[in-house]
Amino acid sequence: MTALARETRKQSFEEMFVQHIESIYYPGFSEEMTEEQSALYDWEFKEFQKNFRMEN
């Protein structure tokens, strides 16, 4: 997988994660979370990726 493909895949996962989080809480929650609790955002995003990882 090329670097561009990996980056595109990461962006897609992050977009899905943001939509998921904001559907649970409220629009703008993910942005607040990154500003106020970036470590928690990173952890939640990594967990989301592990749970929904698509193998090649």
N, C-alpha and C. Protein backbone atom coordinates (compact mmCIF):
# COMPACT_ATOMS: atom_id res chain seq x y z
N MET A 1 0.85 -1.17 0.00
CA MET A 1 0.00 0.00 0.00
C MET A 1 0.90 1.24 0.00
N THR A 2 0.60 2.16 -0.86
CA THR A 2 1.40 3.38 -0.96
C THR A 2 1.09 4.32 0.20
N ALA A 3 1.97 5.28 0.41
CA ALA A 3 1.76 6.26 1.48
C ALA A 3 0.48 7.05 1.24
N LEU A 4 0.21 7.39 0.01
CA LEU A 4 -1.02 8.14 -0.32
C LEU A 4 -2.26 7.30 -0.01
N ALA A 5 -2.21 6.03 -0.35
CA ALA A 5 -3.35 5.15 -0.06
C ALA A 5 -3.57 5.02 1.44
N ARG A 6 -2.48 4.89 2.20
CA ARG A 6 -2.61 4.82 3.66
C ARG A 6 -3.20 6.09 4.23
N GLU A 7 -2.75 7.24 3.74
CA GLU A 7 -3.26 8.52 4.22
C GLU A 7 -4.74 8.69 3.87
N THR A 8 -5.12 8.30 2.67
CA THR A 8 -6.52 8.39 2.24
C THR A 8 -7.39 7.48 3.10
N ARG A 9 -6.89 6.29 3.37
CA ARG A 9 -7.63 5.36 4.21
C ARG A 9 -7.80 5.92 5.61
N LYS A 10 -6.73 6.51 6.16
CA LYS A 10 -6.79 7.11 7.49
C LYS A 10 -7.81 8.25 7.52
N GLN A 11 -7.80 9.08 6.48
CA GLN A 11 -8.75 10.19 6.42
C GLN A 11 -10.18 9.67 6.37
N SER A 12 -10.41 8.63 5.61
CA SER A 12 -11.75 8.06 5.51
C SER A 12 -12.20 7.52 6.86
N PHE A 13 -11.31 6.81 7.55
CA PHE A 13 -11.63 6.31 8.88
C PHE A 13 -11.92 7.47 9.82
N GLU A 14 -11.14 8.52 9.73
CA GLU A 14 -11.35 9.64 10.63
C GLU A 14 -12.68 10.33 10.34
N GLU A 15 -13.05 10.45 9.08
CA GLU A 15 -14.34 11.03 8.74
C GLU A 15 -15.48 10.18 9.29
N MET A 16 -15.36 8.86 9.17
CA MET A 16 -16.37 7.96 9.72
C MET A 16 -16.43 8.08 11.24
N PHE A 17 -15.27 8.18 11.86
CA PHE A 17 -15.21 8.32 13.32
C PHE A 17 -15.89 9.61 13.77
N VAL A 18 -15.60 10.70 13.10
CA VAL A 18 -16.21 11.99 13.46
C VAL A 18 -17.73 11.91 13.31
N GLN A 19 -18.20 11.35 12.23
CA GLN A 19 -19.64 11.21 12.02
C GLN A 19 -20.27 10.34 13.11
N HIS A 20 -19.58 9.27 13.47
CA HIS A 20 -20.08 8.36 14.51
C HIS A 20 -20.17 9.08 15.86
N ILE A 21 -19.10 9.73 16.26
CA ILE A 21 -19.07 10.43 17.55
C ILE A 21 -20.13 11.54 17.58
N GLU A 22 -20.23 12.27 16.50
CA GLU A 22 -21.18 13.39 16.48
C GLU A 22 -22.63 12.93 16.38
N SER A 23 -22.86 11.72 15.90
CA SER A 23 -24.23 11.19 15.90
C SER A 23 -24.62 10.73 17.30
N ILE A 24 -23.65 10.35 18.11
CA ILE A 24 -23.92 9.94 19.49
C ILE A 24 -24.11 11.16 20.37
N TYR A 25 -23.24 12.13 20.24
CA TYR A 25 -23.27 13.31 21.11
C TYR A 25 -23.97 14.48 20.41
N TYR A 26 -23.21 15.33 19.76
CA TYR A 26 -23.79 16.48 19.06
C TYR A 26 -22.79 17.01 18.05
N PRO A 27 -23.28 17.71 17.02
CA PRO A 27 -22.37 18.28 16.03
C PRO A 27 -21.35 19.21 16.69
N GLY A 28 -20.10 19.02 16.32
CA GLY A 28 -19.02 19.83 16.88
C GLY A 28 -18.33 19.18 18.07
N PHE A 29 -18.88 18.06 18.56
CA PHE A 29 -18.29 17.40 19.72
C PHE A 29 -16.86 16.95 19.47
N SER A 30 -16.61 16.38 18.30
CA SER A 30 -15.27 15.87 18.01
C SER A 30 -14.25 17.01 17.98
N GLU A 31 -14.64 18.16 17.47
CA GLU A 31 -13.73 19.31 17.45
C GLU A 31 -13.42 19.78 18.87
N GLU A 32 -14.45 19.84 19.70
CA GLU A 32 -14.23 20.21 21.11
C GLU A 32 -13.32 19.20 21.79
N MET A 33 -13.54 17.94 21.49
CA MET A 33 -12.76 16.88 22.10
C MET A 33 -11.28 17.00 21.71
N THR A 34 -11.01 17.32 20.45
CA THR A 34 -9.61 17.45 20.03
C THR A 34 -8.94 18.64 20.70
N GLU A 35 -9.69 19.69 20.95
CA GLU A 35 -9.12 20.87 21.59
C GLU A 35 -8.92 20.69 23.08
N GLU A 36 -9.88 20.04 23.74
CA GLU A 36 -9.86 19.95 25.20
C GLU A 36 -9.24 18.66 25.72
N GLN A 37 -9.36 17.59 24.97
CA GLN A 37 -8.88 16.28 25.43
C GLN A 37 -8.29 15.51 24.25
N SER A 38 -7.21 16.02 23.71
CA SER A 38 -6.66 15.42 22.49
C SER A 38 -6.20 13.98 22.72
N ALA A 39 -5.69 13.67 23.89
CA ALA A 39 -5.26 12.29 24.17
C ALA A 39 -6.46 11.34 24.14
N LEU A 40 -7.58 11.76 24.68
CA LEU A 40 -8.79 10.94 24.66
C LEU A 40 -9.29 10.75 23.23
N TYR A 41 -9.26 11.82 22.44
CA TYR A 41 -9.66 11.73 21.03
C TYR A 41 -8.79 10.71 20.31
N ASP A 42 -7.48 10.81 20.50
CA ASP A 42 -6.55 9.88 19.84
C ASP A 42 -6.84 8.44 20.24
N TRP A 43 -7.07 8.23 21.54
CA TRP A 43 -7.34 6.87 22.02
C TRP A 43 -8.65 6.35 21.43
N GLU A 44 -9.70 7.17 21.47
CA GLU A 44 -11.00 6.76 20.92
C GLU A 44 -10.89 6.44 19.42
N PHE A 45 -10.14 7.26 18.70
CA PHE A 45 -9.97 7.04 17.26
C PHE A 45 -9.23 5.73 17.01
N LYS A 46 -8.19 5.44 17.77
CA LYS A 46 -7.44 4.19 17.60
C LYS A 46 -8.33 2.98 17.91
N GLU A 47 -9.16 3.09 18.94
CA GLU A 47 -10.08 2.01 19.27
C GLU A 47 -11.10 1.81 18.15
N PHE A 48 -11.60 2.89 17.61
CA PHE A 48 -12.54 2.83 16.48
C PHE A 48 -11.88 2.11 15.30
N GLN A 49 -10.64 2.46 15.01
CA GLN A 49 -9.94 1.82 13.90
C GLN A 49 -9.76 0.32 14.16
N LYS A 50 -9.40 -0.06 15.36
CA LYS A 50 -9.23 -1.47 15.68
C LYS A 50 -10.53 -2.24 15.50
N ASN A 51 -11.64 -1.64 15.92
CA ASN A 51 -12.92 -2.32 15.84
C ASN A 51 -13.45 -2.45 14.42
N PHE A 52 -13.08 -1.54 13.55
CA PHE A 52 -13.62 -1.52 12.20
C PHE A 52 -12.56 -1.66 11.11
N ARG A 53 -11.42 -2.18 11.47
CA ARG A 53 -10.32 -2.32 10.51
C ARG A 53 -10.71 -3.26 9.38
N MET A 54 -10.41 -2.81 8.19
CA MET A 54 -10.65 -3.64 7.01
C MET A 54 -9.31 -4.20 6.57
N GLU A 55 -9.19 -5.49 6.56
CA GLU A 55 -7.95 -6.12 6.13
C GLU A 55 -7.85 -6.12 4.61
N ASN A 56 -6.62 -6.03 4.12
CA ASN A 56 -6.39 -6.03 2.67
C ASN A 56 -6.75 -7.37 2.08
